[in-house]
Amino acid sequence: MTHDKSEEEMLVLSSVDRSPFLACQLMCSANSSNENLTFVQNTPSSEQLLALPTGYVAFPDIGVAYKSYKADRVTWNEARKLCMLDDATLAVIHSSRMHDHVMSVKSWSNSPHLGHHRLFDRGEWTNVKNGRPMSLLPWAPAEPNQGPTFNCGSMWHDGRGLVSIPCDEKRSFICEIPITKDGRQISPNPYLRINPLS
């Protein structure tokens, strides 16, 4: 595919953490200034708000809904892909309030897969939703384990905090969907939709 460089166009869509703003820019050699930068408020309309999928429990105070997959025992990566089928991610817990809400949806004996990992940098725990480093996680005492295979996230079944585990351990898992203050799912971004099982 060839383009005439004098008429080359590029569309840039920028969205960070489902930010309410999208930046769109049309660029060509004749106009290289920032005067063509336009910001558009991306407020969800009633058509973009969806009822929650079956099994999700809404927590509007933290802007998410959780679903515990108690019977399914899968690896961390399989859990991540299964959550994507719900347009969700593995649950990311970075506060004690989120920890308490997850404890309320999981069964007492489960230590589920969660959405923190250090697969790319052993010294840095990363958020599966956006790839950003995570700090000040509510770790259980003596965690995270520094063993060479303990690169994925879970939590103690009894609520003592987050733990690191081998990614190939088969466990239950918890998915998370972003919601509005009235408890409805925000429509997923169609540009981010992929076939997670491929």
Protein backbone atom coordinates (compact mmCIF):
# COMPACT_ATOMS: atom_id res chain seq x y z
CA MET A 1 0.00 0.00 0.00
CA THR A 2 1.53 3.32 -1.06
CA HIS A 3 0.72 6.85 -0.01
CA ASP A 4 1.55 10.20 -1.55
CA LYS A 5 3.64 11.71 1.25
CA SER A 6 2.19 15.17 0.60
CA GLU A 7 -1.28 13.85 1.43
CA GLU A 8 -0.34 11.22 4.01
CA GLU A 9 -2.85 11.08 6.82
CA MET A 10 -2.59 9.52 10.22
CA LEU A 11 -5.35 9.08 12.75
CA VAL A 12 -4.18 8.84 16.30
CA LEU A 13 -6.57 7.63 18.95
CA SER A 14 -5.29 7.96 22.46
CA SER A 15 -7.05 6.57 25.48
CA VAL A 16 -5.44 5.81 28.84
CA ASP A 17 -7.35 3.74 31.39
CA ARG A 18 -10.64 4.37 29.57
CA SER A 19 -10.04 8.10 30.01
CA PRO A 20 -13.05 10.31 29.27
CA PHE A 21 -11.06 12.11 26.59
CA LEU A 22 -9.99 10.90 23.17
CA ALA A 23 -7.41 12.77 21.16
CA CYS A 24 -7.72 12.66 17.40
CA GLN A 25 -5.20 14.23 15.09
CA LEU A 26 -5.00 14.54 11.31
CA MET A 27 -1.42 15.08 10.19
CA CYS A 28 0.08 15.83 6.80
CA SER A 29 3.29 17.45 5.55
CA ALA A 30 1.44 20.71 4.85
CA ASN A 31 0.22 20.98 8.44
CA SER A 32 2.70 19.89 11.07
CA SER A 33 1.55 22.24 13.84
CA ASN A 34 -0.58 21.22 16.79
CA GLU A 35 -3.43 23.43 15.59
CA ASN A 36 -5.17 20.35 14.19
CA LEU A 37 -5.38 18.65 17.62
CA THR A 38 -8.94 18.19 18.83
CA PHE A 39 -10.07 16.78 22.17
CA VAL A 40 -13.49 15.16 22.32
CA GLN A 41 -15.36 14.43 25.55
CA ASN A 42 -16.11 10.69 25.52
CA THR A 43 -19.01 10.55 27.96
CA PRO A 44 -20.91 7.27 27.87
CA SER A 45 -24.38 7.73 26.40
CA SER A 46 -27.30 5.58 27.47
CA GLU A 47 -26.62 3.39 24.42
CA GLN A 48 -23.05 2.72 25.65
CA LEU A 49 -24.13 1.56 29.11
CA LEU A 50 -24.95 -2.11 29.41
CA ALA A 51 -26.49 -4.34 32.02
CA LEU A 52 -23.91 -6.44 33.83
CA PRO A 53 -23.28 -9.95 32.53
CA THR A 54 -24.71 -12.78 34.62
CA GLY A 55 -22.87 -13.45 37.86
CA TYR A 56 -21.16 -10.06 38.26
CA VAL A 57 -21.62 -8.22 41.56
CA ALA A 58 -21.47 -4.42 41.32
CA PHE A 59 -19.44 -2.25 43.68
CA PRO A 60 -20.19 1.31 42.50
CA ASP A 61 -18.11 2.83 45.31
CA ILE A 62 -14.94 1.56 43.59
CA GLY A 63 -16.27 1.59 40.00
CA VAL A 64 -16.04 -2.15 39.28
CA ALA A 65 -18.07 -5.35 39.27
CA TYR A 66 -16.50 -8.70 40.18
CA LYS A 67 -17.32 -12.26 39.23
CA SER A 68 -15.79 -15.24 40.95
CA TYR A 69 -15.21 -18.30 38.80
CA LYS A 70 -15.09 -20.78 41.67
CA ALA A 71 -15.46 -24.08 39.81
CA ASP A 72 -12.99 -23.37 37.01
CA ARG A 73 -9.39 -24.34 37.75
CA VAL A 74 -7.02 -22.86 35.17
CA THR A 75 -3.56 -21.30 34.86
CA TRP A 76 -3.11 -17.53 35.29
CA ASN A 77 -2.89 -16.93 31.54
CA GLU A 78 -5.95 -19.09 30.83
CA ALA A 79 -7.85 -17.11 33.49
CA ARG A 80 -6.76 -13.83 31.88
CA LYS A 81 -8.09 -15.01 28.51
CA LEU A 82 -11.37 -16.29 29.97
CA CYS A 83 -12.00 -12.90 31.60
CA MET A 84 -11.49 -11.26 28.21
CA LEU A 85 -14.45 -13.28 26.88
CA ASP A 86 -16.61 -11.21 29.30
CA ASP A 87 -14.89 -7.99 28.10
CA ALA A 88 -13.27 -8.04 31.54
CA THR A 89 -9.82 -8.41 33.07
CA LEU A 90 -8.52 -10.38 35.99
CA ALA A 91 -9.40 -8.42 39.14
CA VAL A 92 -6.74 -5.90 40.12
CA ILE A 93 -6.60 -5.19 43.84
CA HIS A 94 -4.63 -2.16 44.92
CA SER A 95 -6.51 -1.08 48.05
CA SER A 96 -7.91 -2.63 51.20
CA ARG A 97 -11.45 -1.67 50.10
CA MET A 98 -11.04 -3.61 46.84
CA HIS A 99 -9.58 -6.52 48.82
CA ASP A 100 -12.64 -6.55 51.10
CA HIS A 101 -15.05 -6.50 48.14
CA VAL A 102 -13.25 -9.40 46.43
CA MET A 103 -13.37 -11.33 49.72
CA SER A 104 -17.16 -10.88 49.71
CA VAL A 105 -17.63 -12.51 46.26
CA LYS A 106 -15.21 -15.43 46.49
CA SER A 107 -15.75 -18.56 48.52
CA TRP A 108 -13.81 -18.79 51.77
CA SER A 109 -11.58 -21.66 50.64
CA ASN A 110 -10.54 -20.15 47.28
CA SER A 111 -7.22 -18.42 46.61
CA PRO A 112 -8.01 -17.11 43.11
CA HIS A 113 -5.83 -15.78 40.31
CA LEU A 114 -5.78 -11.96 40.28
CA GLY A 115 -4.54 -9.33 37.84
CA HIS A 116 -1.08 -8.46 39.13
CA HIS A 117 2.06 -10.05 37.71
CA ARG A 118 5.78 -9.59 37.17
CA LEU A 119 6.17 -11.45 33.91
CA PHE A 120 8.19 -8.71 32.20
CA ASP A 121 10.36 -7.39 35.04
CA ARG A 122 10.98 -9.54 38.12
CA GLY A 123 11.48 -6.43 40.23
CA GLU A 124 8.18 -4.79 39.31
CA TRP A 125 4.58 -5.90 39.82
CA THR A 126 2.39 -4.86 36.89
CA ASN A 127 -1.32 -4.18 36.46
CA VAL A 128 -2.84 -6.55 33.85
CA LYS A 129 -5.41 -3.89 32.84
CA ASN A 130 -2.99 -1.23 31.69
CA GLY A 131 0.56 -2.59 31.98
CA ARG A 132 1.54 0.01 34.57
CA PRO A 133 3.71 -0.73 37.59
CA MET A 134 1.87 -1.25 40.87
CA SER A 135 3.16 -0.20 44.27
CA LEU A 136 1.80 -0.34 47.80
CA LEU A 137 -0.15 -3.54 47.18
CA PRO A 138 -1.93 -5.04 50.21
CA TRP A 139 0.49 -7.98 50.48
CA ALA A 140 0.11 -10.72 53.06
CA PRO A 141 2.94 -10.99 55.62
CA ALA A 142 6.23 -12.28 54.08
CA GLU A 143 4.97 -11.61 50.54
CA PRO A 144 5.70 -11.33 47.70
CA ASN A 145 7.66 -14.57 47.47
CA GLN A 146 10.93 -13.97 45.63
CA GLY A 147 11.11 -17.51 44.18
CA PRO A 148 12.02 -17.60 40.48
CA THR A 149 8.61 -18.92 39.37
CA PHE A 150 6.38 -16.83 41.68
CA ASN A 151 5.41 -14.25 39.04
CA CYS A 152 1.60 -14.13 39.14
CA GLY A 153 -0.90 -12.81 41.64
CA SER A 154 -3.39 -14.36 44.00
CA MET A 155 -4.68 -13.79 47.53
CA TRP A 156 -4.83 -15.82 50.72
CA HIS A 157 -8.14 -17.63 51.05
CA ASP A 158 -8.63 -16.21 54.56
CA GLY A 159 -8.10 -12.55 53.67
CA ARG A 160 -4.55 -12.05 55.00
CA GLY A 161 -3.60 -10.23 51.77
CA LEU A 162 -2.13 -10.72 48.32
CA VAL A 163 0.41 -13.42 47.48
CA SER A 164 2.66 -14.32 44.59
CA ILE A 165 2.27 -17.76 43.03
CA PRO A 166 3.63 -19.76 40.08
CA CYS A 167 1.68 -18.77 36.95
CA ASP A 168 1.09 -22.38 35.91
CA GLU A 169 -0.82 -23.30 39.11
CA LYS A 170 -4.42 -24.18 38.33
CA ARG A 171 -6.78 -22.09 40.46
CA SER A 172 -10.14 -20.38 40.44
CA PHE A 173 -10.12 -16.72 39.33
CA ILE A 174 -11.95 -13.41 39.65
CA CYS A 175 -12.81 -11.12 36.74
CA GLU A 176 -13.44 -7.38 36.89
CA ILE A 177 -15.54 -5.06 34.70
CA PRO A 178 -15.57 -1.25 34.96
CA ILE A 179 -18.98 0.17 35.89
CA THR A 180 -20.70 3.51 36.39
CA LYS A 181 -21.82 4.91 39.74
CA ASP A 182 -25.30 3.47 39.12
CA GLY A 183 -23.85 -0.03 38.60
CA ARG A 184 -24.07 -0.43 34.81
CA GLN A 185 -21.25 -1.80 32.67
CA ILE A 186 -19.39 0.66 30.49
CA SER A 187 -19.37 -0.55 26.90
CA PRO A 188 -16.01 -2.07 25.98
CA ASN A 189 -13.75 -0.20 23.57
CA PRO A 190 -14.20 -1.90 20.16
CA TYR A 191 -10.64 -0.94 19.16
CA LEU A 192 -9.28 -3.05 22.01
CA ARG A 193 -11.44 -6.10 21.24
CA ILE A 194 -9.38 -9.06 20.15
CA ASN A 195 -9.84 -12.79 20.04
CA PRO A 196 -8.27 -13.71 23.41
CA LEU A 197 -8.08 -17.43 22.67
CA SER A 198 -6.02 -17.11 19.51
